[in-house]
Structure formats: structure tokens, C-alpha cells
Amino acid sequence: MFEEMIVEKVRKEAEKIAEKQGLEIFDIQYRRESRGWVLRVVIDNPVGYVSVRDCELFSRELERFLDREDLIEHSYTLEVSSPGLDRPLRGPKDYQRFTGKLAKIITKDGKTFIGRIESFVDGIITISDERGKHEINIEDVRKANLEIEF
């Protein structure tokens, strides 16, 4: 499919740019929306949060590549952003990285846990809430994200 080809070509260059800037690629999407075609690149900072400046610098560098390579023949909008404060948790690295943070985990059997990530060891997420500590196998997670703390 045309969209997948664009995403793969953009991903290769985006990963190089991100690495040079001390960032990571969280997600890339290219699709038609109500306002036209959108190339959406979500960047992450493995040691902190993504700043507006991070997005700006990354966007400029990626725009140079896109203009030079002329991969997309029609008009489109480039959006560069962060995963956000309520970012999805997508695997072992995220559970380890965000130990101590407030999270919401929904299991495949429909149970919902909102609490602090205590640890992630051998595929088991330990989360604590007012009811105590809960151990959740990562294989049983349907959806998980950080909760915004004020």
C-alpha cells in the first residue's frame, strides 16, 4: 500500500534524525483525514519529556529530507508532537522507565487498575493502589497509559 511505503521511508530517516537529537520515534502515521493528507510523527525523549523546541528542531530536519526526496507528490500537513502526559505504555521498556508513575492498566478480562507502577520484573507489572498491590502479567494487558498527575 502507498501509505505504508511512505511511512517506511520516512521512518528510516526519522530514526536517524531522532538519534542525532537524542530522541526516539514513538509512532509515524500517514493517512487521509477530513482536512487532507497528514504525516504525523510522534517523537519521544528517553530521559525526560519532549519540549516544543525538540519538536521544532526535529520538524525542520525532517522537512529538509522530505523536500529533498520529494516522496509525497500531493499536498500534506506534517505534524510533529510528543506522546503526551497520558502517553500509552507499550512494552517492558515503558514499564521500567515509568516505575513510580501513576498509570491506568486495563486487562484483557476487563479489569481496570489505576495506581503507581511499583516494578516490572520478568514480565510482571506490579501496581499499587488504595486496595493494595496487584501483579499483572504483561501478556494480559489490553491497554495501558500514564495518568496525568496534578
N, C-alpha and C. Protein backbone atom coordinates (compact mmCIF):
# COMPACT_ATOMS: atom_id res chain seq x y z
N MET A 1 0.84 -1.17 0.00
CA MET A 1 0.00 0.00 0.00
C MET A 1 0.89 1.25 0.00
N PHE A 2 0.48 2.28 -0.69
CA PHE A 2 1.24 3.52 -0.85
C PHE A 2 1.58 4.17 0.49
N GLU A 3 0.61 4.23 1.40
CA GLU A 3 0.81 4.86 2.70
C GLU A 3 1.90 4.15 3.50
N GLU A 4 1.91 2.83 3.46
CA GLU A 4 2.90 2.05 4.20
C GLU A 4 4.30 2.29 3.65
N MET A 5 4.43 2.44 2.34
CA MET A 5 5.72 2.71 1.72
C MET A 5 6.26 4.07 2.19
N ILE A 6 5.39 5.06 2.23
CA ILE A 6 5.79 6.40 2.69
C ILE A 6 6.25 6.32 4.15
N VAL A 7 5.47 5.65 4.99
CA VAL A 7 5.81 5.54 6.41
C VAL A 7 7.17 4.88 6.58
N GLU A 8 7.44 3.82 5.85
CA GLU A 8 8.73 3.12 5.99
C GLU A 8 9.90 4.00 5.57
N LYS A 9 9.76 4.71 4.47
CA LYS A 9 10.84 5.60 4.02
C LYS A 9 11.05 6.74 5.00
N VAL A 10 9.97 7.29 5.50
CA VAL A 10 10.07 8.38 6.48
C VAL A 10 10.68 7.85 7.78
N ARG A 11 10.26 6.66 8.20
CA ARG A 11 10.76 6.08 9.45
C ARG A 11 12.28 5.94 9.43
N LYS A 12 12.83 5.46 8.34
CA LYS A 12 14.29 5.27 8.26
C LYS A 12 15.02 6.59 8.51
N GLU A 13 14.58 7.64 7.84
CA GLU A 13 15.24 8.94 8.02
C GLU A 13 14.91 9.54 9.38
N ALA A 14 13.67 9.42 9.81
CA ALA A 14 13.25 9.99 11.09
C ALA A 14 14.05 9.38 12.24
N GLU A 15 14.32 8.09 12.17
CA GLU A 15 15.10 7.44 13.23
C GLU A 15 16.53 7.98 13.28
N LYS A 16 17.11 8.26 12.12
CA LYS A 16 18.45 8.84 12.08
C LYS A 16 18.45 10.23 12.70
N ILE A 17 17.47 11.04 12.33
CA ILE A 17 17.36 12.41 12.86
C ILE A 17 17.15 12.36 14.37
N ALA A 18 16.24 11.51 14.80
CA ALA A 18 15.94 11.39 16.23
C ALA A 18 17.18 10.99 17.02
N GLU A 19 17.90 10.02 16.52
CA GLU A 19 19.10 9.56 17.21
C GLU A 19 20.12 10.69 17.36
N LYS A 20 20.32 11.47 16.31
CA LYS A 20 21.25 12.60 16.37
C LYS A 20 20.81 13.62 17.42
N GLN A 21 19.52 13.74 17.64
CA GLN A 21 18.99 14.73 18.58
C GLN A 21 18.71 14.15 19.97
N GLY A 22 19.10 12.90 20.18
CA GLY A 22 18.89 12.27 21.49
C GLY A 22 17.45 11.89 21.74
N LEU A 23 16.69 11.67 20.67
CA LEU A 23 15.27 11.35 20.77
C LEU A 23 15.01 9.96 20.21
N GLU A 24 13.75 9.53 20.29
CA GLU A 24 13.31 8.27 19.72
C GLU A 24 12.02 8.51 18.94
N ILE A 25 11.74 7.63 18.00
CA ILE A 25 10.47 7.68 17.27
C ILE A 25 9.47 6.83 18.04
N PHE A 26 8.36 7.44 18.42
CA PHE A 26 7.30 6.73 19.14
C PHE A 26 6.29 6.16 18.15
N ASP A 27 5.96 6.95 17.12
CA ASP A 27 4.96 6.50 16.14
C ASP A 27 5.06 7.36 14.89
N ILE A 28 4.70 6.78 13.76
CA ILE A 28 4.57 7.52 12.50
C ILE A 28 3.31 7.04 11.81
N GLN A 29 2.51 7.99 11.36
CA GLN A 29 1.27 7.68 10.62
C GLN A 29 1.21 8.59 9.39
N TYR A 30 0.68 8.04 8.34
CA TYR A 30 0.43 8.83 7.14
C TYR A 30 -0.94 8.41 6.63
N ARG A 31 -1.87 9.34 6.66
CA ARG A 31 -3.23 8.97 6.24
C ARG A 31 -4.04 10.19 5.83
N ARG A 32 -5.09 9.90 5.14
CA ARG A 32 -6.02 10.93 4.71
C ARG A 32 -7.02 11.19 5.82
N GLU A 33 -7.17 12.46 6.18
CA GLU A 33 -8.14 12.86 7.18
C GLU A 33 -9.09 13.87 6.55
N SER A 34 -10.03 14.36 7.31
CA SER A 34 -11.04 15.26 6.76
C SER A 34 -10.42 16.52 6.15
N ARG A 35 -9.28 16.95 6.68
CA ARG A 35 -8.65 18.17 6.16
C ARG A 35 -7.56 17.89 5.13
N GLY A 36 -7.41 16.64 4.73
CA GLY A 36 -6.41 16.28 3.73
C GLY A 36 -5.42 15.27 4.29
N TRP A 37 -4.33 15.07 3.57
CA TRP A 37 -3.31 14.11 3.97
C TRP A 37 -2.48 14.67 5.12
N VAL A 38 -2.17 13.79 6.10
CA VAL A 38 -1.39 14.19 7.27
C VAL A 38 -0.28 13.17 7.49
N LEU A 39 0.95 13.67 7.61
CA LEU A 39 2.09 12.86 8.02
C LEU A 39 2.35 13.24 9.47
N ARG A 40 2.07 12.32 10.38
CA ARG A 40 2.17 12.58 11.82
C ARG A 40 3.34 11.78 12.38
N VAL A 41 4.29 12.49 12.99
CA VAL A 41 5.45 11.85 13.59
C VAL A 41 5.44 12.20 15.08
N VAL A 42 5.44 11.17 15.91
CA VAL A 42 5.44 11.36 17.36
C VAL A 42 6.84 10.98 17.86
N ILE A 43 7.50 11.96 18.49
CA ILE A 43 8.85 11.74 19.00
C ILE A 43 8.83 11.62 20.52
N ASP A 44 9.84 10.96 21.06
CA ASP A 44 9.92 10.77 22.50
C ASP A 44 11.33 11.05 22.96
N ASN A 45 11.45 11.45 24.22
CA ASN A 45 12.74 11.67 24.84
C ASN A 45 12.92 10.58 25.88
N PRO A 46 13.88 9.68 25.68
CA PRO A 46 14.01 8.54 26.59
C PRO A 46 14.44 8.90 28.01
N VAL A 47 14.90 10.14 28.22
CA VAL A 47 15.34 10.53 29.56
C VAL A 47 14.53 11.69 30.13
N GLY A 48 13.43 12.01 29.51
CA GLY A 48 12.63 13.12 30.02
C GLY A 48 11.42 13.36 29.14
N TYR A 49 11.03 14.62 29.09
CA TYR A 49 9.87 14.98 28.30
C TYR A 49 10.29 15.68 27.02
N VAL A 50 9.45 15.64 26.03
CA VAL A 50 9.69 16.30 24.75
C VAL A 50 9.24 17.75 24.87
N SER A 51 10.13 18.65 24.50
CA SER A 51 9.80 20.08 24.56
C SER A 51 9.29 20.56 23.19
N VAL A 52 8.72 21.74 23.19
CA VAL A 52 8.29 22.35 21.93
C VAL A 52 9.51 22.55 21.03
N ARG A 53 10.62 22.92 21.65
CA ARG A 53 11.87 23.11 20.90
C ARG A 53 12.32 21.81 20.25
N ASP A 54 12.20 20.69 20.97
CA ASP A 54 12.54 19.38 20.39
C ASP A 54 11.71 19.14 19.13
N CYS A 55 10.43 19.41 19.22
CA CYS A 55 9.53 19.20 18.07
C CYS A 55 9.93 20.11 16.91
N GLU A 56 10.25 21.34 17.22
CA GLU A 56 10.63 22.32 16.20
C GLU A 56 11.90 21.89 15.47
N LEU A 57 12.94 21.53 16.22
CA LEU A 57 14.21 21.14 15.60
C LEU A 57 14.06 19.86 14.78
N PHE A 58 13.32 18.91 15.32
CA PHE A 58 13.10 17.66 14.60
C PHE A 58 12.32 17.92 13.31
N SER A 59 11.27 18.73 13.41
CA SER A 59 10.43 19.05 12.27
C SER A 59 11.23 19.70 11.14
N ARG A 60 12.08 20.65 11.48
CA ARG A 60 12.90 21.33 10.46
C ARG A 60 13.79 20.35 9.72
N GLU A 61 14.43 19.47 10.49
CA GLU A 61 15.34 18.49 9.88
C GLU A 61 14.57 17.51 8.99
N LEU A 62 13.43 17.05 9.45
CA LEU A 62 12.63 16.12 8.65
C LEU A 62 12.08 16.81 7.42
N GLU A 63 11.67 18.06 7.54
CA GLU A 63 11.17 18.82 6.38
C GLU A 63 12.23 18.92 5.29
N ARG A 64 13.49 19.15 5.69
CA ARG A 64 14.59 19.20 4.70
C ARG A 64 14.67 17.89 3.91
N PHE A 65 14.60 16.79 4.63
CA PHE A 65 14.64 15.48 3.98
C PHE A 65 13.44 15.30 3.04
N LEU A 66 12.25 15.62 3.52
CA LEU A 66 11.04 15.43 2.71
C LEU A 66 11.08 16.30 1.45
N ASP A 67 11.55 17.53 1.59
CA ASP A 67 11.66 18.42 0.42
C ASP A 67 12.70 17.90 -0.57
N ARG A 68 13.82 17.44 -0.06
CA ARG A 68 14.90 16.93 -0.91
C ARG A 68 14.48 15.66 -1.66
N GLU A 69 13.84 14.74 -0.96
CA GLU A 69 13.48 13.45 -1.55
C GLU A 69 12.18 13.49 -2.34
N ASP A 70 11.33 14.45 -2.05
CA ASP A 70 10.04 14.61 -2.74
C ASP A 70 9.25 13.30 -2.79
N LEU A 71 9.11 12.67 -1.63
CA LEU A 71 8.43 11.37 -1.52
C LEU A 71 6.92 11.47 -1.74
N ILE A 72 6.36 12.60 -1.35
CA ILE A 72 4.91 12.75 -1.38
C ILE A 72 4.56 13.77 -2.45
N GLU A 73 3.86 13.31 -3.47
CA GLU A 73 3.60 14.14 -4.65
C GLU A 73 2.50 15.18 -4.44
N HIS A 74 1.58 14.93 -3.54
CA HIS A 74 0.48 15.86 -3.33
C HIS A 74 0.69 16.64 -2.03
N SER A 75 -0.17 17.60 -1.77
CA SER A 75 -0.02 18.41 -0.56
C SER A 75 -0.39 17.58 0.67
N TYR A 76 0.26 17.90 1.78
CA TYR A 76 0.04 17.20 3.04
C TYR A 76 0.47 18.13 4.16
N THR A 77 0.09 17.78 5.37
CA THR A 77 0.50 18.51 6.56
C THR A 77 1.43 17.62 7.36
N LEU A 78 2.57 18.17 7.78
CA LEU A 78 3.49 17.47 8.66
C LEU A 78 3.20 17.91 10.09
N GLU A 79 2.93 16.96 10.96
CA GLU A 79 2.73 17.23 12.39
C GLU A 79 3.77 16.46 13.18
N VAL A 80 4.49 17.17 14.04
CA VAL A 80 5.46 16.54 14.93
C VAL A 80 5.02 16.86 16.35
N SER A 81 4.90 15.82 17.17
CA SER A 81 4.44 16.02 18.54
C SER A 81 5.06 14.99 19.48
N SER A 82 4.69 15.08 20.74
CA SER A 82 5.13 14.13 21.75
C SER A 82 4.00 13.15 22.04
N PRO A 83 4.29 12.05 22.75
CA PRO A 83 3.22 11.12 23.11
C PRO A 83 2.25 11.71 24.13
N GLY A 84 2.61 12.80 24.79
CA GLY A 84 1.73 13.44 25.75
C GLY A 84 1.92 12.94 27.16
N LEU A 85 1.34 13.65 28.11
CA LEU A 85 1.47 13.29 29.51
C LEU A 85 0.73 12.01 29.84
N ASP A 86 -0.31 11.69 29.06
CA ASP A 86 -1.08 10.46 29.29
C ASP A 86 -0.73 9.40 28.25
N ARG A 87 0.51 9.38 27.88
CA ARG A 87 1.04 8.51 26.84
C ARG A 87 0.71 7.03 27.06
N PRO A 88 0.55 6.31 25.97
CA PRO A 88 0.37 4.86 26.09
C PRO A 88 1.65 4.20 26.61
N LEU A 89 1.50 3.13 27.34
CA LEU A 89 2.62 2.29 27.77
C LEU A 89 2.61 1.08 26.85
N ARG A 90 3.70 0.88 26.13
CA ARG A 90 3.66 -0.11 25.06
C ARG A 90 4.61 -1.29 25.20
N GLY A 91 5.22 -1.45 26.32
CA GLY A 91 6.08 -2.61 26.45
C GLY A 91 6.98 -2.54 27.67
N PRO A 92 7.82 -3.55 27.84
CA PRO A 92 8.68 -3.64 29.02
C PRO A 92 9.49 -2.38 29.30
N LYS A 93 10.08 -1.79 28.26
CA LYS A 93 10.89 -0.59 28.48
C LYS A 93 10.07 0.54 29.11
N ASP A 94 8.82 0.70 28.67
CA ASP A 94 7.98 1.75 29.23
C ASP A 94 7.65 1.49 30.70
N TYR A 95 7.34 0.24 31.06
CA TYR A 95 7.01 -0.07 32.45
C TYR A 95 8.21 0.15 33.35
N GLN A 96 9.40 -0.17 32.85
CA GLN A 96 10.61 0.07 33.63
C GLN A 96 10.90 1.57 33.72
N ARG A 97 10.80 2.25 32.62
CA ARG A 97 11.09 3.69 32.58
C ARG A 97 10.16 4.50 33.49
N PHE A 98 8.89 4.11 33.56
CA PHE A 98 7.91 4.89 34.30
C PHE A 98 7.57 4.29 35.67
N THR A 99 8.47 3.48 36.21
CA THR A 99 8.29 2.99 37.58
C THR A 99 8.15 4.20 38.51
N GLY A 100 7.16 4.13 39.39
CA GLY A 100 6.89 5.22 40.32
C GLY A 100 5.82 6.18 39.82
N LYS A 101 5.45 6.08 38.56
CA LYS A 101 4.45 6.97 37.97
C LYS A 101 3.05 6.36 38.09
N LEU A 102 2.05 7.22 38.04
CA LEU A 102 0.66 6.81 38.09
C LEU A 102 0.23 6.31 36.71
N ALA A 103 -0.40 5.15 36.68
CA ALA A 103 -0.81 4.55 35.41
C ALA A 103 -2.19 3.93 35.51
N LYS A 104 -2.79 3.76 34.35
CA LYS A 104 -4.07 3.05 34.24
C LYS A 104 -3.83 1.86 33.34
N ILE A 105 -4.16 0.68 33.85
CA ILE A 105 -3.97 -0.56 33.09
C ILE A 105 -5.31 -1.27 32.99
N ILE A 106 -5.69 -1.60 31.77
CA ILE A 106 -6.91 -2.37 31.53
C ILE A 106 -6.48 -3.74 31.01
N THR A 107 -6.94 -4.78 31.67
CA THR A 107 -6.56 -6.13 31.28
C THR A 107 -7.53 -6.69 30.23
N LYS A 108 -7.12 -7.76 29.62
CA LYS A 108 -7.94 -8.39 28.58
C LYS A 108 -9.28 -8.90 29.12
N ASP A 109 -9.34 -9.19 30.42
CA ASP A 109 -10.61 -9.65 31.00
C ASP A 109 -11.46 -8.47 31.51
N GLY A 110 -11.03 -7.23 31.21
CA GLY A 110 -11.84 -6.05 31.51
C GLY A 110 -11.59 -5.39 32.85
N LYS A 111 -10.67 -5.90 33.64
CA LYS A 111 -10.37 -5.27 34.92
C LYS A 111 -9.55 -4.00 34.69
N THR A 112 -9.81 -2.99 35.50
CA THR A 112 -9.09 -1.72 35.41
C THR A 112 -8.35 -1.45 36.71
N PHE A 113 -7.08 -1.11 36.59
CA PHE A 113 -6.24 -0.77 37.73
C PHE A 113 -5.69 0.63 37.52
N ILE A 114 -5.84 1.49 38.50
CA ILE A 114 -5.23 2.82 38.47
C ILE A 114 -4.38 2.93 39.72
N GLY A 115 -3.08 3.03 39.52
CA GLY A 115 -2.17 3.10 40.66
C GLY A 115 -0.76 3.37 40.20
N ARG A 116 0.16 3.32 41.13
CA ARG A 116 1.58 3.56 40.84
C ARG A 116 2.24 2.27 40.37
N ILE A 117 3.05 2.40 39.33
CA ILE A 117 3.84 1.26 38.89
C ILE A 117 4.96 1.07 39.91
N GLU A 118 4.93 -0.05 40.59
CA GLU A 118 5.95 -0.35 41.61
C GLU A 118 7.19 -0.96 40.97
N SER A 119 6.95 -1.88 40.02
CA SER A 119 8.10 -2.55 39.39
C SER A 119 7.63 -3.29 38.14
N PHE A 120 8.61 -3.69 37.35
CA PHE A 120 8.37 -4.58 36.22
C PHE A 120 9.52 -5.58 36.21
N VAL A 121 9.20 -6.83 36.53
CA VAL A 121 10.22 -7.88 36.62
C VAL A 121 9.67 -9.15 35.98
N ASP A 122 10.46 -9.72 35.06
CA ASP A 122 10.11 -10.99 34.43
C ASP A 122 8.70 -11.00 33.85
N GLY A 123 8.31 -9.91 33.20
CA GLY A 123 7.01 -9.85 32.54
C GLY A 123 5.84 -9.54 33.46
N ILE A 124 6.12 -9.25 34.73
CA ILE A 124 5.06 -8.95 35.69
C ILE A 124 5.13 -7.48 36.10
N ILE A 125 4.01 -6.78 35.90
CA ILE A 125 3.88 -5.38 36.32
C ILE A 125 3.27 -5.41 37.72
N THR A 126 3.92 -4.75 38.66
CA THR A 126 3.34 -4.61 39.99
C THR A 126 2.87 -3.17 40.10
N ILE A 127 1.58 -3.02 40.39
CA ILE A 127 0.96 -1.70 40.51
C ILE A 127 0.27 -1.63 41.86
N SER A 128 0.38 -0.49 42.54
CA SER A 128 -0.26 -0.37 43.86
C SER A 128 -1.30 0.73 43.84
N ASP A 129 -2.41 0.45 44.50
CA ASP A 129 -3.48 1.43 44.64
C ASP A 129 -4.01 1.36 46.07
N GLU A 130 -5.13 2.00 46.34
CA GLU A 130 -5.67 2.02 47.71
C GLU A 130 -6.08 0.62 48.19
N ARG A 131 -6.27 -0.32 47.29
CA ARG A 131 -6.64 -1.69 47.67
C ARG A 131 -5.43 -2.58 47.92
N GLY A 132 -4.23 -2.07 47.59
CA GLY A 132 -3.02 -2.87 47.80
C GLY A 132 -2.21 -3.00 46.53
N LYS A 133 -1.40 -4.06 46.47
CA LYS A 133 -0.54 -4.31 45.32
C LYS A 133 -1.18 -5.36 44.42
N HIS A 134 -1.02 -5.15 43.11
CA HIS A 134 -1.57 -6.07 42.13
C HIS A 134 -0.47 -6.46 41.16
N GLU A 135 -0.39 -7.74 40.84
CA GLU A 135 0.57 -8.22 39.86
C GLU A 135 -0.18 -8.55 38.58
N ILE A 136 0.29 -7.97 37.49
CA ILE A 136 -0.37 -8.15 36.19
C ILE A 136 0.67 -8.64 35.19
N ASN A 137 0.39 -9.77 34.57
CA ASN A 137 1.27 -10.27 33.52
C ASN A 137 1.14 -9.35 32.31
N ILE A 138 2.25 -8.95 31.74
CA ILE A 138 2.21 -8.05 30.58
C ILE A 138 1.40 -8.64 29.43
N GLU A 139 1.34 -9.94 29.36
CA GLU A 139 0.57 -10.61 28.30
C GLU A 139 -0.93 -10.40 28.48
N ASP A 140 -1.35 -10.05 29.69
CA ASP A 140 -2.78 -9.85 29.98
C ASP A 140 -3.24 -8.41 29.80
N VAL A 141 -2.31 -7.51 29.45
CA VAL A 141 -2.65 -6.09 29.30
C VAL A 141 -3.29 -5.84 27.94
N ARG A 142 -4.48 -5.24 27.98
CA ARG A 142 -5.14 -4.84 26.73
C ARG A 142 -4.76 -3.42 26.37
N LYS A 143 -4.71 -2.55 27.39
CA LYS A 143 -4.40 -1.15 27.16
C LYS A 143 -3.80 -0.58 28.44
N ALA A 144 -2.80 0.28 28.28
CA ALA A 144 -2.19 0.92 29.45
C ALA A 144 -1.68 2.30 29.06
N ASN A 145 -1.81 3.24 29.98
CA ASN A 145 -1.28 4.58 29.75
C ASN A 145 -0.97 5.25 31.08
N LEU A 146 -0.12 6.28 31.01
CA LEU A 146 0.13 7.07 32.19
C LEU A 146 -1.09 7.91 32.48
N GLU A 147 -1.31 8.21 33.75
CA GLU A 147 -2.37 9.11 34.16
C GLU A 147 -1.72 10.46 34.44
N ILE A 148 -2.42 11.52 34.12
CA ILE A 148 -1.91 12.86 34.38
C ILE A 148 -2.02 13.17 35.86
N GLU A 149 -0.91 13.63 36.43
CA GLU A 149 -0.91 13.99 37.85
C GLU A 149 -0.80 15.50 37.98
N PHE A 150 -1.57 16.06 38.88
CA PHE A 150 -1.54 17.50 39.11
C PHE A 150 -0.88 17.82 40.41
